[in-house]
Amino acid sequence: MHKPKWAIFYDFHTQPAQPDVGERFDVEAATDKWKECGIDYVVFHARCNLGMAYYDTKVGIRHPSLKYDLFGKLAEACKKKGIAITAC
């Protein structure tokens, strides 16, 4: 079991009409900064407050303006850098 020393809860909300969701979110830069700050555990939204997914899905609805699997890329970058991640 992972026992985090420093954790963050990354909270944001996007409406369906919000354009370009995640377009300028650089997962490598974000995870580099978190690692530099000593963060070893992140809680990140997998879906918005209206239930639209920030990942590719066949069951739910991906956020209409998201063009890639944001949560998947973030999880991959976190794993590579030894940062645990949980979806909420």
PDB file of N, CA and C in Angstrom:
ATOM      1  N   MET A   1       0.834  -1.184   0.000  1.00  0.00           N
ATOM      2  CA  MET A   1       0.000   0.000   0.000  1.00  0.00           C
ATOM      3  C   MET A   1       0.880   1.250   0.000  1.00  0.00           C
ATOM      4  N   HIS A   2       0.511   2.183  -0.844  1.00  0.00           N
ATOM      5  CA  HIS A   2       1.254   3.443  -0.926  1.00  0.00           C
ATOM      6  C   HIS A   2       0.880   4.337   0.253  1.00  0.00           C
ATOM      7  N   LYS A   3       1.858   4.830   0.959  1.00  0.00           N
ATOM      8  CA  LYS A   3       1.628   5.767   2.056  1.00  0.00           C
ATOM      9  C   LYS A   3       2.203   7.111   1.638  1.00  0.00           C
ATOM     10  N   PRO A   4       1.345   7.985   1.110  1.00  0.00           N
ATOM     11  CA  PRO A   4       1.843   9.261   0.580  1.00  0.00           C
ATOM     12  C   PRO A   4       2.379  10.191   1.655  1.00  0.00           C
ATOM     13  N   LYS A   5       3.397  10.919   1.267  1.00  0.00           N
ATOM     14  CA  LYS A   5       3.949  11.947   2.145  1.00  0.00           C
ATOM     15  C   LYS A   5       3.327  13.301   1.792  1.00  0.00           C
ATOM     16  N   TRP A   6       3.275  13.608   0.479  1.00  0.00           N
ATOM     17  CA  TRP A   6       2.697  14.852   0.004  1.00  0.00           C
ATOM     18  C   TRP A   6       1.713  14.537  -1.117  1.00  0.00           C
ATOM     19  N   ALA A   7       0.495  15.034  -0.979  1.00  0.00           N
ATOM     20  CA  ALA A   7      -0.543  14.755  -1.969  1.00  0.00           C
ATOM     21  C   ALA A   7      -1.238  16.041  -2.397  1.00  0.00           C
ATOM     22  N   ILE A   8      -1.805  16.006  -3.597  1.00  0.00           N
ATOM     23  CA  ILE A   8      -2.628  17.123  -4.052  1.00  0.00           C
ATOM     24  C   ILE A   8      -3.942  16.575  -4.599  1.00  0.00           C
ATOM     25  N   PHE A   9      -4.966  17.402  -4.502  1.00  0.00           N
ATOM     26  CA  PHE A   9      -6.265  17.130  -5.104  1.00  0.00           C
ATOM     27  C   PHE A   9      -6.416  18.138  -6.219  1.00  0.00           C
ATOM     28  N   TYR A  10      -6.307  17.680  -7.447  1.00  0.00           N
ATOM     29  CA  TYR A  10      -6.365  18.565  -8.610  1.00  0.00           C
ATOM     30  C   TYR A  10      -7.828  18.706  -9.003  1.00  0.00           C
ATOM     31  N   ASP A  11      -8.407  19.857  -8.743  1.00  0.00           N
ATOM     32  CA  ASP A  11      -9.835  20.059  -8.937  1.00  0.00           C
ATOM     33  C   ASP A  11     -10.101  21.117 -10.005  1.00  0.00           C
ATOM     34  N   PHE A  12     -10.934  20.774 -10.958  1.00  0.00           N
ATOM     35  CA  PHE A  12     -11.358  21.728 -11.969  1.00  0.00           C
ATOM     36  C   PHE A  12     -12.701  21.252 -12.524  1.00  0.00           C
ATOM     37  N   HIS A  13     -13.445  22.163 -13.096  1.00  0.00           N
ATOM     38  CA  HIS A  13     -14.744  21.837 -13.676  1.00  0.00           C
ATOM     39  C   HIS A  13     -14.844  22.484 -15.048  1.00  0.00           C
ATOM     40  N   THR A  14     -15.359  21.738 -15.988  1.00  0.00           N
ATOM     41  CA  THR A  14     -15.515  22.279 -17.336  1.00  0.00           C
ATOM     42  C   THR A  14     -16.929  22.002 -17.828  1.00  0.00           C
ATOM     43  N   GLN A  15     -17.551  23.005 -18.361  1.00  0.00           N
ATOM     44  CA  GLN A  15     -18.890  22.867 -18.926  1.00  0.00           C
ATOM     45  C   GLN A  15     -18.779  22.275 -20.335  1.00  0.00           C
ATOM     46  N   PRO A  16     -19.853  21.678 -20.843  1.00  0.00           N
ATOM     47  CA  PRO A  16     -19.818  21.092 -22.187  1.00  0.00           C
ATOM     48  C   PRO A  16     -19.410  22.085 -23.284  1.00  0.00           C
ATOM     49  N   ALA A  17     -19.756  23.353 -23.111  1.00  0.00           N
ATOM     50  CA  ALA A  17     -19.425  24.365 -24.127  1.00  0.00           C
ATOM     51  C   ALA A  17     -17.997  24.886 -24.000  1.00  0.00           C
ATOM     52  N   GLN A  18     -17.290  24.497 -22.954  1.00  0.00           N
ATOM     53  CA  GLN A  18     -15.905  24.952 -22.773  1.00  0.00           C
ATOM     54  C   GLN A  18     -15.054  24.434 -23.934  1.00  0.00           C
ATOM     55  N   PRO A  19     -14.471  25.330 -24.714  1.00  0.00           N
ATOM     56  CA  PRO A  19     -13.680  24.875 -25.864  1.00  0.00           C
ATOM     57  C   PRO A  19     -12.273  24.417 -25.456  1.00  0.00           C
ATOM     58  N   ASP A  20     -11.718  23.545 -26.238  1.00  0.00           N
ATOM     59  CA  ASP A  20     -10.307  23.157 -26.133  1.00  0.00           C
ATOM     60  C   ASP A  20      -9.895  22.601 -24.762  1.00  0.00           C
ATOM     61  N   VAL A  21     -10.738  21.800 -24.153  1.00  0.00           N
ATOM     62  CA  VAL A  21     -10.419  21.225 -22.849  1.00  0.00           C
ATOM     63  C   VAL A  21      -9.145  20.389 -22.953  1.00  0.00           C
ATOM     64  N   GLY A  22      -8.194  20.669 -22.101  1.00  0.00           N
ATOM     65  CA  GLY A  22      -6.943  19.922 -22.047  1.00  0.00           C
ATOM     66  C   GLY A  22      -5.958  20.214 -23.155  1.00  0.00           C
ATOM     67  N   GLU A  23      -6.308  21.091 -24.067  1.00  0.00           N
ATOM     68  CA  GLU A  23      -5.445  21.333 -25.224  1.00  0.00           C
ATOM     69  C   GLU A  23      -4.058  21.836 -24.824  1.00  0.00           C
ATOM     70  N   ARG A  24      -3.986  22.686 -23.820  1.00  0.00           N
ATOM     71  CA  ARG A  24      -2.693  23.237 -23.405  1.00  0.00           C
ATOM     72  C   ARG A  24      -2.191  22.650 -22.088  1.00  0.00           C
ATOM     73  N   PHE A  25      -2.842  21.580 -21.621  1.00  0.00           N
ATOM     74  CA  PHE A  25      -2.396  20.936 -20.393  1.00  0.00           C
ATOM     75  C   PHE A  25      -1.232  20.008 -20.728  1.00  0.00           C
ATOM     76  N   ASP A  26      -0.068  20.344 -20.264  1.00  0.00           N
ATOM     77  CA  ASP A  26       1.146  19.582 -20.541  1.00  0.00           C
ATOM     78  C   ASP A  26       1.381  18.601 -19.392  1.00  0.00           C
ATOM     79  N   VAL A  27       1.031  17.333 -19.604  1.00  0.00           N
ATOM     80  CA  VAL A  27       1.146  16.347 -18.529  1.00  0.00           C
ATOM     81  C   VAL A  27       2.589  16.162 -18.074  1.00  0.00           C
ATOM     82  N   GLU A  28       3.524  16.256 -18.982  1.00  0.00           N
ATOM     83  CA  GLU A  28       4.932  16.101 -18.607  1.00  0.00           C
ATOM     84  C   GLU A  28       5.393  17.256 -17.725  1.00  0.00           C
ATOM     85  N   ALA A  29       5.049  18.473 -18.102  1.00  0.00           N
ATOM     86  CA  ALA A  29       5.436  19.644 -17.307  1.00  0.00           C
ATOM     87  C   ALA A  29       4.764  19.610 -15.938  1.00  0.00           C
ATOM     88  N   ALA A  30       3.487  19.240 -15.902  1.00  0.00           N
ATOM     89  CA  ALA A  30       2.761  19.183 -14.626  1.00  0.00           C
ATOM     90  C   ALA A  30       3.377  18.142 -13.699  1.00  0.00           C
ATOM     91  N   THR A  31       3.614  16.946 -14.208  1.00  0.00           N
ATOM     92  CA  THR A  31       4.170  15.889 -13.358  1.00  0.00           C
ATOM     93  C   THR A  31       5.621  16.172 -12.977  1.00  0.00           C
ATOM     94  N   ASP A  32       6.368  16.833 -13.848  1.00  0.00           N
ATOM     95  CA  ASP A  32       7.728  17.246 -13.481  1.00  0.00           C
ATOM     96  C   ASP A  32       7.688  18.213 -12.301  1.00  0.00           C
ATOM     97  N   LYS A  33       6.774  19.181 -12.352  1.00  0.00           N
ATOM     98  CA  LYS A  33       6.642  20.170 -11.284  1.00  0.00           C
ATOM     99  C   LYS A  33       6.186  19.497  -9.987  1.00  0.00           C
ATOM    100  N   TRP A  34       5.241  18.580 -10.083  1.00  0.00           N
ATOM    101  CA  TRP A  34       4.776  17.866  -8.890  1.00  0.00           C
ATOM    102  C   TRP A  34       5.921  17.088  -8.255  1.00  0.00           C
ATOM    103  N   LYS A  35       6.688  16.413  -9.092  1.00  0.00           N
ATOM    104  CA  LYS A  35       7.832  15.634  -8.593  1.00  0.00           C
ATOM    105  C   LYS A  35       8.848  16.562  -7.929  1.00  0.00           C
ATOM    106  N   GLU A  36       9.128  17.689  -8.572  1.00  0.00           N
ATOM    107  CA  GLU A  36      10.067  18.675  -8.042  1.00  0.00           C
ATOM    108  C   GLU A  36       9.601  19.186  -6.667  1.00  0.00           C
ATOM    109  N   CYS A  37       8.298  19.283  -6.485  1.00  0.00           N
ATOM    110  CA  CYS A  37       7.723  19.763  -5.214  1.00  0.00           C
ATOM    111  C   CYS A  37       7.617  18.661  -4.163  1.00  0.00           C
ATOM    112  N   GLY A  38       7.959  17.436  -4.526  1.00  0.00           N
ATOM    113  CA  GLY A  38       7.910  16.337  -3.575  1.00  0.00           C
ATOM    114  C   GLY A  38       6.567  15.636  -3.493  1.00  0.00           C
ATOM    115  N   ILE A  39       5.647  15.975  -4.385  1.00  0.00           N
ATOM    116  CA  ILE A  39       4.326  15.337  -4.392  1.00  0.00           C
ATOM    117  C   ILE A  39       4.480  13.899  -4.872  1.00  0.00           C
ATOM    118  N   ASP A  40       3.909  12.973  -4.103  1.00  0.00           N
ATOM    119  CA  ASP A  40       4.010  11.566  -4.485  1.00  0.00           C
ATOM    120  C   ASP A  40       2.640  10.902  -4.647  1.00  0.00           C
ATOM    121  N   TYR A  41       1.567  11.705  -4.561  1.00  0.00           N
ATOM    122  CA  TYR A  41       0.217  11.172  -4.721  1.00  0.00           C
ATOM    123  C   TYR A  41      -0.708  12.266  -5.234  1.00  0.00           C
ATOM    124  N   VAL A  42      -1.480  11.957  -6.286  1.00  0.00           N
ATOM    125  CA  VAL A  42      -2.383  12.919  -6.901  1.00  0.00           C
ATOM    126  C   VAL A  42      -3.782  12.311  -6.996  1.00  0.00           C
ATOM    127  N   VAL A  43      -4.780  13.097  -6.639  1.00  0.00           N
ATOM    128  CA  VAL A  43      -6.171  12.738  -6.893  1.00  0.00           C
ATOM    129  C   VAL A  43      -6.633  13.658  -8.014  1.00  0.00           C
ATOM    130  N   PHE A  44      -7.086  13.075  -9.113  1.00  0.00           N
ATOM    131  CA  PHE A  44      -7.406  13.839 -10.310  1.00  0.00           C
ATOM    132  C   PHE A  44      -8.777  13.409 -10.822  1.00  0.00           C
ATOM    133  N   HIS A  45      -9.544  14.360 -11.317  1.00  0.00           N
ATOM    134  CA  HIS A  45     -10.869  14.032 -11.855  1.00  0.00           C
ATOM    135  C   HIS A  45     -10.755  13.215 -13.130  1.00  0.00           C
ATOM    136  N   ALA A  46     -11.469  12.103 -13.177  1.00  0.00           N
ATOM    137  CA  ALA A  46     -11.568  11.317 -14.402  1.00  0.00           C
ATOM    138  C   ALA A  46     -12.790  11.758 -15.208  1.00  0.00           C
ATOM    139  N   ARG A  47     -13.729  12.399 -14.517  1.00  0.00           N
ATOM    140  CA  ARG A  47     -14.925  12.925 -15.170  1.00  0.00           C
ATOM    141  C   ARG A  47     -15.231  14.315 -14.600  1.00  0.00           C
ATOM    142  N   CYS A  48     -15.905  15.122 -15.398  1.00  0.00           N
ATOM    143  CA  CYS A  48     -16.272  16.461 -14.931  1.00  0.00           C
ATOM    144  C   CYS A  48     -17.475  16.374 -13.995  1.00  0.00           C
ATOM    145  N   ASN A  49     -17.879  17.506 -13.458  1.00  0.00           N
ATOM    146  CA  ASN A  49     -18.993  17.532 -12.518  1.00  0.00           C
ATOM    147  C   ASN A  49     -20.326  17.155 -13.167  1.00  0.00           C
ATOM    148  N   LEU A  50     -20.376  17.117 -14.491  1.00  0.00           N
ATOM    149  CA  LEU A  50     -21.582  16.691 -15.201  1.00  0.00           C
ATOM    150  C   LEU A  50     -21.473  15.257 -15.708  1.00  0.00           C
ATOM    151  N   GLY A  51     -20.356  14.596 -15.397  1.00  0.00           N
ATOM    152  CA  GLY A  51     -20.190  13.187 -15.743  1.00  0.00           C
ATOM    153  C   GLY A  51     -19.487  12.892 -17.048  1.00  0.00           C
ATOM    154  N   MET A  52     -19.034  13.911 -17.753  1.00  0.00           N
ATOM    155  CA  MET A  52     -18.322  13.668 -19.012  1.00  0.00           C
ATOM    156  C   MET A  52     -16.878  13.274 -18.723  1.00  0.00           C
ATOM    157  N   ALA A  53     -16.405  12.267 -19.413  1.00  0.00           N
ATOM    158  CA  ALA A  53     -15.101  11.671 -19.139  1.00  0.00           C
ATOM    159  C   ALA A  53     -13.947  12.471 -19.729  1.00  0.00           C
ATOM    160  N   TYR A  54     -12.837  12.455 -18.995  1.00  0.00           N
ATOM    161  CA  TYR A  54     -11.579  13.023 -19.477  1.00  0.00           C
ATOM    162  C   TYR A  54     -10.673  11.901 -20.001  1.00  0.00           C
ATOM    163  N   TYR A  55     -11.303  10.830 -20.454  1.00  0.00           N
ATOM    164  CA  TYR A  55     -10.601   9.667 -21.008  1.00  0.00           C
ATOM    165  C   TYR A  55     -11.486   9.080 -22.106  1.00  0.00           C
ATOM    166  N   ASP A  56     -10.914   8.213 -22.916  1.00  0.00           N
ATOM    167  CA  ASP A  56     -11.678   7.549 -23.968  1.00  0.00           C
ATOM    168  C   ASP A  56     -12.583   6.501 -23.328  1.00  0.00           C
ATOM    169  N   THR A  57     -13.836   6.445 -23.759  1.00  0.00           N
ATOM    170  CA  THR A  57     -14.785   5.501 -23.183  1.00  0.00           C
ATOM    171  C   THR A  57     -15.816   5.068 -24.222  1.00  0.00           C
ATOM    172  N   LYS A  58     -16.275   3.835 -24.078  1.00  0.00           N
ATOM    173  CA  LYS A  58     -17.357   3.320 -24.919  1.00  0.00           C
ATOM    174  C   LYS A  58     -18.669   3.291 -24.135  1.00  0.00           C
ATOM    175  N   VAL A  59     -18.600   3.492 -22.846  1.00  0.00           N
ATOM    176  CA  VAL A  59     -19.777   3.410 -21.988  1.00  0.00           C
ATOM    177  C   VAL A  59     -20.365   4.790 -21.723  1.00  0.00           C
ATOM    178  N   GLY A  60     -19.534   5.727 -21.313  1.00  0.00           N
ATOM    179  CA  GLY A  60     -19.993   7.078 -21.000  1.00  0.00           C
ATOM    180  C   GLY A  60     -19.796   8.016 -22.175  1.00  0.00           C
ATOM    181  N   ILE A  61     -19.681   9.281 -21.867  1.00  0.00           N
ATOM    182  CA  ILE A  61     -19.488  10.308 -22.887  1.00  0.00           C
ATOM    183  C   ILE A  61     -18.187  11.055 -22.593  1.00  0.00           C
ATOM    184  N   ARG A  62     -17.277  11.023 -23.555  1.00  0.00           N
ATOM    185  CA  ARG A  62     -16.061  11.809 -23.401  1.00  0.00           C
ATOM    186  C   ARG A  62     -16.434  13.288 -23.550  1.00  0.00           C
ATOM    187  N   HIS A  63     -15.741  14.147 -22.817  1.00  0.00           N
ATOM    188  CA  HIS A  63     -16.021  15.584 -22.896  1.00  0.00           C
ATOM    189  C   HIS A  63     -15.975  15.999 -24.361  1.00  0.00           C
ATOM    190  N   PRO A  64     -16.986  16.725 -24.842  1.00  0.00           N
ATOM    191  CA  PRO A  64     -17.091  17.016 -26.274  1.00  0.00           C
ATOM    192  C   PRO A  64     -15.902  17.757 -26.892  1.00  0.00           C
ATOM    193  N   SER A  65     -15.191  18.564 -26.128  1.00  0.00           N
ATOM    194  CA  SER A  65     -14.085  19.301 -26.746  1.00  0.00           C
ATOM    195  C   SER A  65     -12.721  18.692 -26.449  1.00  0.00           C
ATOM    196  N   LEU A  66     -12.687  17.575 -25.734  1.00  0.00           N
ATOM    197  CA  LEU A  66     -11.417  16.905 -25.433  1.00  0.00           C
ATOM    198  C   LEU A  66     -10.994  16.062 -26.630  1.00  0.00           C
ATOM    199  N   LYS A  67      -9.758  16.230 -27.066  1.00  0.00           N
ATOM    200  CA  LYS A  67      -9.294  15.543 -28.272  1.00  0.00           C
ATOM    201  C   LYS A  67      -8.368  14.353 -27.997  1.00  0.00           C
ATOM    202  N   TYR A  68      -8.130  14.030 -26.714  1.00  0.00           N
ATOM    203  CA  TYR A  68      -7.242  12.915 -26.381  1.00  0.00           C
ATOM    204  C   TYR A  68      -7.594  12.370 -25.003  1.00  0.00           C
ATOM    205  N   ASP A  69      -7.015  11.257 -24.639  1.00  0.00           N
ATOM    206  CA  ASP A  69      -7.238  10.624 -23.339  1.00  0.00           C
ATOM    207  C   ASP A  69      -6.389  11.348 -22.290  1.00  0.00           C
ATOM    208  N   LEU A  70      -6.922  12.425 -21.739  1.00  0.00           N
ATOM    209  CA  LEU A  70      -6.181  13.251 -20.793  1.00  0.00           C
ATOM    210  C   LEU A  70      -5.805  12.452 -19.539  1.00  0.00           C
ATOM    211  N   PHE A  71      -6.780  11.752 -18.958  1.00  0.00           N
ATOM    212  CA  PHE A  71      -6.484  11.017 -17.733  1.00  0.00           C
ATOM    213  C   PHE A  71      -5.471   9.891 -17.989  1.00  0.00           C
ATOM    214  N   GLY A  72      -5.596   9.211 -19.103  1.00  0.00           N
ATOM    215  CA  GLY A  72      -4.661   8.137 -19.440  1.00  0.00           C
ATOM    216  C   GLY A  72      -3.232   8.630 -19.596  1.00  0.00           C
ATOM    217  N   LYS A  73      -3.072   9.749 -20.289  1.00  0.00           N
ATOM    218  CA  LYS A  73      -1.727  10.317 -20.467  1.00  0.00           C
ATOM    219  C   LYS A  73      -1.153  10.786 -19.133  1.00  0.00           C
ATOM    220  N   LEU A  74      -1.996  11.360 -18.287  1.00  0.00           N
ATOM    221  CA  LEU A  74      -1.543  11.806 -16.976  1.00  0.00           C
ATOM    222  C   LEU A  74      -1.141  10.605 -16.112  1.00  0.00           C
ATOM    223  N   ALA A  75      -1.950   9.566 -16.126  1.00  0.00           N
ATOM    224  CA  ALA A  75      -1.641   8.360 -15.345  1.00  0.00           C
ATOM    225  C   ALA A  75      -0.321   7.741 -15.807  1.00  0.00           C
ATOM    226  N   GLU A  76      -0.105   7.717 -17.102  1.00  0.00           N
ATOM    227  CA  GLU A  76       1.139   7.177 -17.673  1.00  0.00           C
ATOM    228  C   GLU A  76       2.348   7.995 -17.203  1.00  0.00           C
ATOM    229  N   ALA A  77       2.242   9.322 -17.252  1.00  0.00           N
ATOM    230  CA  ALA A  77       3.344  10.202 -16.830  1.00  0.00           C
ATOM    231  C   ALA A  77       3.601  10.054 -15.328  1.00  0.00           C
ATOM    232  N   CYS A  78       2.531   9.944 -14.544  1.00  0.00           N
ATOM    233  CA  CYS A  78       2.692   9.770 -13.096  1.00  0.00           C
ATOM    234  C   CYS A  78       3.411   8.458 -12.786  1.00  0.00           C
ATOM    235  N   LYS A  79       2.995   7.391 -13.440  1.00  0.00           N
ATOM    236  CA  LYS A  79       3.616   6.083 -13.207  1.00  0.00           C
ATOM    237  C   LYS A  79       5.109   6.132 -13.519  1.00  0.00           C
ATOM    238  N   LYS A  80       5.441   6.760 -14.630  1.00  0.00           N
ATOM    239  CA  LYS A  80       6.838   6.872 -15.060  1.00  0.00           C
ATOM    240  C   LYS A  80       7.688   7.613 -14.018  1.00  0.00           C
ATOM    241  N   LYS A  81       7.053   8.548 -13.293  1.00  0.00           N
ATOM    242  CA  LYS A  81       7.793   9.383 -12.331  1.00  0.00           C
ATOM    243  C   LYS A  81       7.589   8.962 -10.890  1.00  0.00           C
ATOM    244  N   GLY A  82       6.925   7.835 -10.680  1.00  0.00           N
ATOM    245  CA  GLY A  82       6.750   7.338  -9.323  1.00  0.00           C
ATOM    246  C   GLY A  82       5.727   8.099  -8.494  1.00  0.00           C
ATOM    247  N   ILE A  83       4.750   8.690  -9.163  1.00  0.00           N
ATOM    248  CA  ILE A  83       3.684   9.421  -8.488  1.00  0.00           C
ATOM    249  C   ILE A  83       2.422   8.577  -8.549  1.00  0.00           C
ATOM    250  N   ALA A  84       1.850   8.234  -7.413  1.00  0.00           N
ATOM    251  CA  ALA A  84       0.610   7.462  -7.391  1.00  0.00           C
ATOM    252  C   ALA A  84      -0.537   8.377  -7.795  1.00  0.00           C
ATOM    253  N   ILE A  85      -1.556   7.802  -8.444  1.00  0.00           N
ATOM    254  CA  ILE A  85      -2.695   8.602  -8.895  1.00  0.00           C
ATOM    255  C   ILE A  85      -3.979   7.840  -8.642  1.00  0.00           C
ATOM    256  N   THR A  86      -4.997   8.577  -8.246  1.00  0.00           N
ATOM    257  CA  THR A  86      -6.336   8.032  -8.044  1.00  0.00           C
ATOM    258  C   THR A  86      -7.321   8.890  -8.811  1.00  0.00           C
ATOM    259  N   ALA A  87      -8.288   8.253  -9.450  1.00  0.00           N
ATOM    260  CA  ALA A  87      -9.346   8.984 -10.139  1.00  0.00           C
ATOM    261  C   ALA A  87     -10.506   9.226  -9.182  1.00  0.00           C
ATOM    262  N   CYS A  88     -11.079  10.397  -9.323  1.00  0.00           N
ATOM    263  CA  CYS A  88     -12.309  10.652  -8.552  1.00  0.00           C
ATOM    264  C   CYS A  88     -13.379  11.112  -9.496  1.00  0.00           C
TER     265      CYS A  88
END
